[in-house]
Amino acid sequence: MAQEEHIPRPKGHPALAELTSLDGGLMIYKRFGELNAHSLLFQQAHLLKLEDDLKCQQEADREDHEEYNKDVRVLIEKRAEQWKIHVESRQRLRIYRECRCR
């Protein structure tokens, strides 16, 4: 009978990972609830600022009587600052939605 080779078992995180992988009921992870709440609040604050910036920029652009509300090309070409706020808002909203889903 051949003698089995002894393979040392891992210690620390690898051992814990191996153990928890055997039974899903053992998997317990910290939610970082307070940190997530802070992150969401900061995301909301940033979105509120962008919303305010957009309203101010729309009011300033309204004085020029441009047709940017009917034709997005006019918005992109002649209202670069307003378009930039729209783009940043979309990016921030995507991040905010991802954070809320966690």
Foldseek 3Di string as FASTA:
>chain_A
DDDDDDDDDDDDPSNVVVVCVVPVVPDDDDPVVVVLVVVLVVLVVVLVVLVVVLVVLVVVVVVVVDPCVPPVVCCVPPVVVNVVSVVVNVVSVVVNVVSVVD
